[in-house]
PDB file of N, CA and C in Angstrom:
ATOM      1  N   UNK A   1      17.678   9.824  45.711  1.00  0.00           N
ATOM      2  CA  UNK A   1      18.378   9.000  46.905  1.00  0.00           C
ATOM      3  C   UNK A   1      16.944   8.393  47.792  1.00  0.00           C
ATOM      4  N   UNK A   2      17.453   7.272  47.950  1.00  0.00           N
ATOM      5  CA  UNK A   2      16.414   6.781  49.128  1.00  0.00           C
ATOM      6  C   UNK A   2      16.748   7.358  50.174  1.00  0.00           C
ATOM      7  N   UNK A   3      15.702   7.319  51.175  1.00  0.00           N
ATOM      8  CA  UNK A   3      15.319   7.900  52.531  1.00  0.00           C
ATOM      9  C   UNK A   3      15.181   6.725  53.759  1.00  0.00           C
ATOM     10  N   UNK A   4      16.017   6.744  54.770  1.00  0.00           N
ATOM     11  CA  UNK A   4      15.831   5.956  55.539  1.00  0.00           C
ATOM     12  C   UNK A   4      15.837   6.826  56.893  1.00  0.00           C
ATOM     13  N   UNK A   5      14.579   6.493  57.649  1.00  0.00           N
ATOM     14  CA  UNK A   5      14.455   7.178  58.887  1.00  0.00           C
ATOM     15  C   UNK A   5      14.372   6.566  59.989  1.00  0.00           C
ATOM     16  N   UNK A   6      14.703   6.936  60.733  1.00  0.00           N
ATOM     17  CA  UNK A   6      14.875   6.304  62.424  1.00  0.00           C
ATOM     18  C   UNK A   6      13.569   6.180  62.883  1.00  0.00           C
ATOM     19  N   UNK A   7      13.206   5.627  63.730  1.00  0.00           N
ATOM     20  CA  UNK A   7      11.790   5.588  64.597  1.00  0.00           C
ATOM     21  C   UNK A   7      11.780   6.779  64.974  1.00  0.00           C
ATOM     22  N   UNK A   8      12.718   7.518  65.347  1.00  0.00           N
ATOM     23  CA  UNK A   8      12.503   8.920  66.178  1.00  0.00           C
ATOM     24  C   UNK A   8      12.246   9.929  64.959  1.00  0.00           C
ATOM     25  N   UNK A   9      12.721  10.052  63.799  1.00  0.00           N
ATOM     26  CA  UNK A   9      12.735  10.732  62.839  1.00  0.00           C
ATOM     27  C   UNK A   9      11.325  10.589  61.964  1.00  0.00           C
ATOM     28  N   UNK A  10      10.774   9.937  61.980  1.00  0.00           N
ATOM     29  CA  UNK A  10       9.466   9.327  61.672  1.00  0.00           C
ATOM     30  C   UNK A  10       8.169   9.812  62.421  1.00  0.00           C
ATOM     31  N   UNK A  11       8.494   9.620  63.837  1.00  0.00           N
ATOM     32  CA  UNK A  11       7.842  10.267  64.832  1.00  0.00           C
ATOM     33  C   UNK A  11       7.794  12.188  64.565  1.00  0.00           C
ATOM     34  N   UNK A  12       8.615  12.323  64.380  1.00  0.00           N
ATOM     35  CA  UNK A  12       8.797  13.586  64.170  1.00  0.00           C
ATOM     36  C   UNK A  12       8.321  14.163  63.068  1.00  0.00           C
ATOM     37  N   UNK A  13       8.026  13.650  61.967  1.00  0.00           N
ATOM     38  CA  UNK A  13       8.029  14.054  60.601  1.00  0.00           C
ATOM     39  C   UNK A  13       6.132  13.670  60.695  1.00  0.00           C
ATOM     40  N   UNK A  14       5.517  12.816  61.438  1.00  0.00           N
ATOM     41  CA  UNK A  14       4.147  12.781  61.559  1.00  0.00           C
ATOM     42  C   UNK A  14       3.791  13.983  62.230  1.00  0.00           C
ATOM     43  N   UNK A  15       4.340  14.281  63.513  1.00  0.00           N
ATOM     44  CA  UNK A  15       4.135  15.543  63.891  1.00  0.00           C
ATOM     45  C   UNK A  15       4.203  16.941  63.579  1.00  0.00           C
ATOM     46  N   UNK A  16       4.836  16.819  62.274  1.00  0.00           N
ATOM     47  CA  UNK A  16       5.241  18.085  61.782  1.00  0.00           C
ATOM     48  C   UNK A  16       3.743  18.460  60.814  1.00  0.00           C
ATOM     49  N   UNK A  17       3.150  17.335  60.668  1.00  0.00           N
ATOM     50  CA  UNK A  17       2.175  17.231  59.585  1.00  0.00           C
ATOM     51  C   UNK A  17       0.968  17.959  59.963  1.00  0.00           C
ATOM     52  N   UNK A  18       1.099  18.520  61.383  1.00  0.00           N
ATOM     53  CA  UNK A  18       0.039  19.441  61.737  1.00  0.00           C
ATOM     54  C   UNK A  18      -0.069  20.724  61.079  1.00  0.00           C
ATOM     55  N   UNK A  19       1.419  21.204  60.528  1.00  0.00           N
ATOM     56  CA  UNK A  19       1.828  22.687  59.739  1.00  0.00           C
ATOM     57  C   UNK A  19       2.070  22.250  58.757  1.00  0.00           C
ATOM     58  N   UNK A  20       1.103  22.638  57.643  1.00  0.00           N
ATOM     59  CA  UNK A  20       1.530  22.417  56.452  1.00  0.00           C
ATOM     60  C   UNK A  20       2.752  23.160  55.933  1.00  0.00           C
ATOM     61  N   UNK A  21       3.192  24.369  56.542  1.00  0.00           N
ATOM     62  CA  UNK A  21       4.225  25.043  55.850  1.00  0.00           C
ATOM     63  C   UNK A  21       5.165  24.498  56.585  1.00  0.00           C
ATOM     64  N   UNK A  22       5.495  23.879  57.455  1.00  0.00           N
ATOM     65  CA  UNK A  22       6.544  22.884  57.975  1.00  0.00           C
ATOM     66  C   UNK A  22       6.760  21.750  57.081  1.00  0.00           C
ATOM     67  N   UNK A  23       5.846  21.061  56.421  1.00  0.00           N
ATOM     68  CA  UNK A  23       5.961  20.040  55.760  1.00  0.00           C
ATOM     69  C   UNK A  23       6.556  20.527  54.226  1.00  0.00           C
ATOM     70  N   UNK A  24       6.052  21.332  53.987  1.00  0.00           N
ATOM     71  CA  UNK A  24       6.652  21.974  52.422  1.00  0.00           C
ATOM     72  C   UNK A  24       8.088  22.171  52.807  1.00  0.00           C
ATOM     73  N   UNK A  25       8.378  22.824  53.953  1.00  0.00           N
ATOM     74  CA  UNK A  25       9.948  23.289  53.889  1.00  0.00           C
ATOM     75  C   UNK A  25      10.862  22.053  53.949  1.00  0.00           C
ATOM     76  N   UNK A  26      10.196  21.333  55.040  1.00  0.00           N
ATOM     77  CA  UNK A  26      11.166  19.825  54.879  1.00  0.00           C
ATOM     78  C   UNK A  26      11.395  19.144  53.586  1.00  0.00           C
ATOM     79  N   UNK A  27       9.819  19.273  52.891  1.00  0.00           N
ATOM     80  CA  UNK A  27      10.044  18.642  51.608  1.00  0.00           C
ATOM     81  C   UNK A  27      11.097  19.134  50.916  1.00  0.00           C
ATOM     82  N   UNK A  28      11.014  20.575  50.712  1.00  0.00           N
ATOM     83  CA  UNK A  28      12.035  21.192  49.883  1.00  0.00           C
ATOM     84  C   UNK A  28      13.437  21.131  50.417  1.00  0.00           C
ATOM     85  N   UNK A  29      13.521  20.728  51.664  1.00  0.00           N
ATOM     86  CA  UNK A  29      14.986  20.428  52.294  1.00  0.00           C
ATOM     87  C   UNK A  29      15.583  19.191  51.748  1.00  0.00           C
ATOM     88  N   UNK A  30      14.401  17.968  51.862  1.00  0.00           N
ATOM     89  CA  UNK A  30      14.721  16.677  51.277  1.00  0.00           C
ATOM     90  C   UNK A  30      15.309  16.753  49.973  1.00  0.00           C
ATOM     91  N   UNK A  31      14.627  17.288  49.123  1.00  0.00           N
ATOM     92  CA  UNK A  31      14.912  17.662  47.705  1.00  0.00           C
ATOM     93  C   UNK A  31      16.482  18.013  47.143  1.00  0.00           C
ATOM     94  N   UNK A  32      16.420  19.316  48.245  1.00  0.00           N
ATOM     95  CA  UNK A  32      17.805  19.897  48.117  1.00  0.00           C
ATOM     96  C   UNK A  32      18.909  18.785  48.461  1.00  0.00           C
ATOM     97  N   UNK A  33      18.482  18.358  49.219  1.00  0.00           N
ATOM     98  CA  UNK A  33      19.671  17.302  50.266  1.00  0.00           C
ATOM     99  C   UNK A  33      20.077  16.136  48.623  1.00  0.00           C
ATOM    100  N   UNK A  34      18.970  15.765  48.138  1.00  0.00           N
ATOM    101  CA  UNK A  34      19.103  14.983  47.269  1.00  0.00           C
ATOM    102  C   UNK A  34      20.062  15.600  45.747  1.00  0.00           C
ATOM    103  N   UNK A  35      19.860  16.749  45.620  1.00  0.00           N
ATOM    104  CA  UNK A  35      20.279  17.638  44.624  1.00  0.00           C
ATOM    105  C   UNK A  35      21.849  17.673  44.906  1.00  0.00           C
ATOM    106  N   UNK A  36      22.116  18.461  46.044  1.00  0.00           N
ATOM    107  CA  UNK A  36      23.375  18.992  46.601  1.00  0.00           C
ATOM    108  C   UNK A  36      23.828  18.543  47.902  1.00  0.00           C
ATOM    109  N   UNK A  37      23.511  17.375  48.146  1.00  0.00           N
ATOM    110  CA  UNK A  37      24.625  17.116  49.340  1.00  0.00           C
ATOM    111  C   UNK A  37      24.389  17.835  50.538  1.00  0.00           C
ATOM    112  N   UNK A  38      25.507  18.351  51.121  1.00  0.00           N
ATOM    113  CA  UNK A  38      25.720  18.704  52.261  1.00  0.00           C
ATOM    114  C   UNK A  38      25.866  20.641  51.753  1.00  0.00           C
ATOM    115  N   UNK A  39      25.311  21.096  50.832  1.00  0.00           N
ATOM    116  CA  UNK A  39      25.345  22.166  50.197  1.00  0.00           C
ATOM    117  C   UNK A  39      23.734  22.427  50.054  1.00  0.00           C
ATOM    118  N   UNK A  40      23.530  23.911  50.438  1.00  0.00           N
ATOM    119  CA  UNK A  40      21.862  24.506  49.722  1.00  0.00           C
ATOM    120  C   UNK A  40      21.540  25.133  51.077  1.00  0.00           C
ATOM    121  N   UNK A  41      19.975  24.873  51.038  1.00  0.00           N
ATOM    122  CA  UNK A  41      18.842  25.661  51.569  1.00  0.00           C
ATOM    123  C   UNK A  41      19.251  25.346  52.904  1.00  0.00           C
ATOM    124  N   UNK A  42      18.362  26.173  53.982  1.00  0.00           N
ATOM    125  CA  UNK A  42      18.454  25.674  55.427  1.00  0.00           C
ATOM    126  C   UNK A  42      19.616  25.552  56.184  1.00  0.00           C
ATOM    127  N   UNK A  43      20.891  26.549  55.760  1.00  0.00           N
ATOM    128  CA  UNK A  43      22.086  26.318  56.451  1.00  0.00           C
ATOM    129  C   UNK A  43      22.656  25.407  56.780  1.00  0.00           C
ATOM    130  N   UNK A  44      23.009  24.631  56.264  1.00  0.00           N
ATOM    131  CA  UNK A  44      23.618  23.066  56.439  1.00  0.00           C
ATOM    132  C   UNK A  44      25.007  23.417  57.399  1.00  0.00           C
ATOM    133  N   UNK A  45      25.081  22.843  58.493  1.00  0.00           N
ATOM    134  CA  UNK A  45      25.766  22.561  59.536  1.00  0.00           C
ATOM    135  C   UNK A  45      26.382  21.369  59.994  1.00  0.00           C
ATOM    136  N   UNK A  46      27.605  21.151  59.826  1.00  0.00           N
ATOM    137  CA  UNK A  46      28.305  20.055  60.192  1.00  0.00           C
ATOM    138  C   UNK A  46      27.826  19.866  61.587  1.00  0.00           C
ATOM    139  N   UNK A  47      27.644  18.606  62.340  1.00  0.00           N
ATOM    140  CA  UNK A  47      27.588  18.911  63.774  1.00  0.00           C
ATOM    141  C   UNK A  47      28.586  18.036  64.281  1.00  0.00           C
ATOM    142  N   UNK A  48      28.939  17.891  65.536  1.00  0.00           N
ATOM    143  CA  UNK A  48      29.974  17.792  66.208  1.00  0.00           C
ATOM    144  C   UNK A  48      29.924  16.875  67.341  1.00  0.00           C
ATOM    145  N   UNK A  49      30.933  16.136  68.043  1.00  0.00           N
ATOM    146  CA  UNK A  49      30.786  15.394  69.289  1.00  0.00           C
ATOM    147  C   UNK A  49      29.877  14.350  68.948  1.00  0.00           C
ATOM    148  N   UNK A  50      28.952  13.737  69.655  1.00  0.00           N
ATOM    149  CA  UNK A  50      28.188  12.608  69.739  1.00  0.00           C
ATOM    150  C   UNK A  50      27.564  12.598  68.682  1.00  0.00           C
ATOM    151  N   UNK A  51      27.277  13.670  67.753  1.00  0.00           N
ATOM    152  CA  UNK A  51      26.593  13.864  66.211  1.00  0.00           C
ATOM    153  C   UNK A  51      27.674  13.698  64.965  1.00  0.00           C
ATOM    154  N   UNK A  52      28.908  13.283  65.422  1.00  0.00           N
ATOM    155  CA  UNK A  52      29.886  13.792  64.312  1.00  0.00           C
ATOM    156  C   UNK A  52      29.346  12.844  63.270  1.00  0.00           C
ATOM    157  N   UNK A  53      29.577  13.439  62.198  1.00  0.00           N
ATOM    158  CA  UNK A  53      29.344  12.336  60.784  1.00  0.00           C
ATOM    159  C   UNK A  53      27.819  13.253  60.075  1.00  0.00           C
ATOM    160  N   UNK A  54      27.020  13.481  61.315  1.00  0.00           N
ATOM    161  CA  UNK A  54      25.416  13.961  60.590  1.00  0.00           C
ATOM    162  C   UNK A  54      25.723  15.828  60.509  1.00  0.00           C
ATOM    163  N   UNK A  55      24.894  15.740  59.730  1.00  0.00           N
ATOM    164  CA  UNK A  55      24.930  17.228  59.423  1.00  0.00           C
ATOM    165  C   UNK A  55      23.037  17.713  59.601  1.00  0.00           C
ATOM    166  N   UNK A  56      23.099  19.040  60.154  1.00  0.00           N
ATOM    167  CA  UNK A  56      21.921  19.608  60.288  1.00  0.00           C
ATOM    168  C   UNK A  56      21.247  20.850  59.329  1.00  0.00           C
ATOM    169  N   UNK A  57      20.056  20.805  59.183  1.00  0.00           N
ATOM    170  CA  UNK A  57      19.412  22.009  58.351  1.00  0.00           C
ATOM    171  C   UNK A  57      18.473  22.492  58.957  1.00  0.00           C
ATOM    172  N   UNK A  58      18.067  23.826  58.983  1.00  0.00           N
ATOM    173  CA  UNK A  58      17.175  24.422  59.950  1.00  0.00           C
ATOM    174  C   UNK A  58      15.815  24.351  58.959  1.00  0.00           C
ATOM    175  N   UNK A  59      14.788  23.731  59.826  1.00  0.00           N
ATOM    176  CA  UNK A  59      13.302  23.596  58.929  1.00  0.00           C
ATOM    177  C   UNK A  59      12.671  25.003  59.377  1.00  0.00           C
ATOM    178  N   UNK A  60      12.786  25.573  60.657  1.00  0.00           N
ATOM    179  CA  UNK A  60      12.368  26.931  61.077  1.00  0.00           C
ATOM    180  C   UNK A  60      13.173  27.214  61.954  1.00  0.00           C
ATOM    181  N   UNK A  61      12.859  28.212  63.164  1.00  0.00           N
ATOM    182  CA  UNK A  61      13.675  28.675  63.840  1.00  0.00           C
ATOM    183  C   UNK A  61      13.796  27.886  65.077  1.00  0.00           C
ATOM    184  N   UNK A  62      13.066  26.675  65.019  1.00  0.00           N
ATOM    185  CA  UNK A  62      12.825  25.502  66.272  1.00  0.00           C
ATOM    186  C   UNK A  62      13.220  24.175  65.925  1.00  0.00           C
ATOM    187  N   UNK A  63      12.800  24.016  64.531  1.00  0.00           N
ATOM    188  CA  UNK A  63      12.903  22.470  64.015  1.00  0.00           C
ATOM    189  C   UNK A  63      14.149  22.541  63.354  1.00  0.00           C
ATOM    190  N   UNK A  64      14.682  20.787  63.218  1.00  0.00           N
ATOM    191  CA  UNK A  64      16.107  20.770  62.672  1.00  0.00           C
ATOM    192  C   UNK A  64      15.827  19.758  62.019  1.00  0.00           C
ATOM    193  N   UNK A  65      16.546  19.358  60.620  1.00  0.00           N
ATOM    194  CA  UNK A  65      16.599  17.992  60.305  1.00  0.00           C
ATOM    195  C   UNK A  65      18.020  17.748  60.473  1.00  0.00           C
ATOM    196  N   UNK A  66      18.257  16.261  61.022  1.00  0.00           N
ATOM    197  CA  UNK A  66      19.692  15.838  61.262  1.00  0.00           C
ATOM    198  C   UNK A  66      19.413  14.623  60.117  1.00  0.00           C
ATOM    199  N   UNK A  67      20.847  14.502  59.506  1.00  0.00           N
ATOM    200  CA  UNK A  67      20.871  13.279  58.488  1.00  0.00           C
ATOM    201  C   UNK A  67      22.215  13.425  58.093  1.00  0.00           C
ATOM    202  N   UNK A  68      22.640  12.274  57.267  1.00  0.00           N
ATOM    203  CA  UNK A  68      23.694  12.059  56.779  1.00  0.00           C
ATOM    204  C   UNK A  68      23.643  11.312  55.552  1.00  0.00           C
ATOM    205  N   UNK A  69      24.734  11.509  54.581  1.00  0.00           N
ATOM    206  CA  UNK A  69      24.661  10.621  53.228  1.00  0.00           C
ATOM    207  C   UNK A  69      25.540   9.713  53.372  1.00  0.00           C
ATOM    208  N   UNK A  70      24.705   8.534  53.363  1.00  0.00           N
ATOM    209  CA  UNK A  70      25.548   7.130  53.334  1.00  0.00           C
ATOM    210  C   UNK A  70      25.713   6.448  52.057  1.00  0.00           C
ATOM    211  N   UNK A  71      26.787   5.918  51.688  1.00  0.00           N
ATOM    212  CA  UNK A  71      26.798   4.988  50.536  1.00  0.00           C
ATOM    213  C   UNK A  71      27.360   3.591  50.737  1.00  0.00           C
ATOM    214  N   UNK A  72      26.383   2.810  50.162  1.00  0.00           N
ATOM    215  CA  UNK A  72      26.665   1.444  50.486  1.00  0.00           C
ATOM    216  C   UNK A  72      26.735   0.811  48.977  1.00  0.00           C
ATOM    217  N   UNK A  73      27.583  -0.111  48.651  1.00  0.00           N
ATOM    218  CA  UNK A  73      27.564  -1.077  47.597  1.00  0.00           C
ATOM    219  C   UNK A  73      27.385   0.200  46.155  1.00  0.00           C
ATOM    220  N   UNK A  74      27.848   1.151  46.301  1.00  0.00           N
ATOM    221  CA  UNK A  74      28.098   2.102  45.245  1.00  0.00           C
ATOM    222  C   UNK A  74      26.510   2.933  45.140  1.00  0.00           C
ATOM    223  N   UNK A  75      25.680   2.650  46.022  1.00  0.00           N
ATOM    224  CA  UNK A  75      24.460   3.386  46.042  1.00  0.00           C
ATOM    225  C   UNK A  75      24.361   4.233  47.496  1.00  0.00           C
ATOM    226  N   UNK A  76      23.954   5.672  47.087  1.00  0.00           N
ATOM    227  CA  UNK A  76      23.615   6.560  48.364  1.00  0.00           C
ATOM    228  C   UNK A  76      22.301   6.320  48.522  1.00  0.00           C
ATOM    229  N   UNK A  77      22.359   6.915  50.210  1.00  0.00           N
ATOM    230  CA  UNK A  77      20.941   7.110  50.891  1.00  0.00           C
ATOM    231  C   UNK A  77      20.935   8.035  51.946  1.00  0.00           C
ATOM    232  N   UNK A  78      19.702   8.583  52.312  1.00  0.00           N
ATOM    233  CA  UNK A  78      19.890   9.841  53.210  1.00  0.00           C
ATOM    234  C   UNK A  78      19.435   8.982  54.515  1.00  0.00           C
ATOM    235  N   UNK A  79      20.079   9.070  55.588  1.00  0.00           N
ATOM    236  CA  UNK A  79      19.927   8.410  56.646  1.00  0.00           C
ATOM    237  C   UNK A  79      19.505   9.735  57.587  1.00  0.00           C
ATOM    238  N   UNK A  80      18.138   9.777  57.834  1.00  0.00           N
ATOM    239  CA  UNK A  80      17.412  10.760  58.755  1.00  0.00           C
ATOM    240  C   UNK A  80      17.680  10.503  60.201  1.00  0.00           C
ATOM    241  N   UNK A  81      17.984  10.988  61.006  1.00  0.00           N
ATOM    242  CA  UNK A  81      18.254  10.774  62.337  1.00  0.00           C
ATOM    243  C   UNK A  81      17.195  11.482  63.194  1.00  0.00           C
ATOM    244  N   UNK A  82      16.721  12.566  62.795  1.00  0.00           N
ATOM    245  CA  UNK A  82      15.503  13.175  63.408  1.00  0.00           C
ATOM    246  C   UNK A  82      15.156  14.649  62.369  1.00  0.00           C
ATOM    247  N   UNK A  83      13.694  15.225  62.729  1.00  0.00           N
ATOM    248  CA  UNK A  83      13.352  16.299  62.023  1.00  0.00           C
ATOM    249  C   UNK A  83      12.299  16.887  62.719  1.00  0.00           C
ATOM    250  N   UNK A  84      12.746  17.238  64.100  1.00  0.00           N
ATOM    251  CA  UNK A  84      12.148  17.961  64.863  1.00  0.00           C
ATOM    252  C   UNK A  84      12.648  19.262  65.817  1.00  0.00           C
ATOM    253  N   UNK A  85      12.251  18.970  66.715  1.00  0.00           N
ATOM    254  CA  UNK A  85      12.863  20.063  67.867  1.00  0.00           C
ATOM    255  C   UNK A  85      14.838  19.806  67.886  1.00  0.00           C
ATOM    256  N   UNK A  86      15.563  20.740  68.399  1.00  0.00           N
ATOM    257  CA  UNK A  86      16.510  20.787  68.260  1.00  0.00           C
ATOM    258  C   UNK A  86      17.504  19.446  69.025  1.00  0.00           C
ATOM    259  N   UNK A  87      18.658  19.133  68.480  1.00  0.00           N
ATOM    260  CA  UNK A  87      19.574  18.169  68.645  1.00  0.00           C
ATOM    261  C   UNK A  87      19.109  17.281  70.030  1.00  0.00           C
ATOM    262  N   UNK A  88      18.658  15.802  69.717  1.00  0.00           N
ATOM    263  CA  UNK A  88      19.182  14.981  70.811  1.00  0.00           C
ATOM    264  C   UNK A  88      19.877  14.136  70.501  1.00  0.00           C
ATOM    265  N   UNK A  89      20.542  13.721  71.527  1.00  0.00           N
ATOM    266  CA  UNK A  89      21.916  12.778  71.156  1.00  0.00           C
ATOM    267  C   UNK A  89      21.452  11.292  71.827  1.00  0.00           C
TER     268      UNK A  89
END
């Protein structure tokens, strides 16, 4: 699936590059989302309230990826809202 990053998510991603371990973990999670959707590694959790419709997965104890899978015109993509510190609304 294609990945669409918000500006905030892309900034988070660039900031994670200082820690190769976090980058490897995030890459594994993205690959798993591609294969398994809302199930798999990183303890997937459906979010509520302002983030309803989005899911999160743990990159580590402090960092999360927040995403949803969107289908448009028969094609799916992963919309990444953030991939850094705990949830921002």
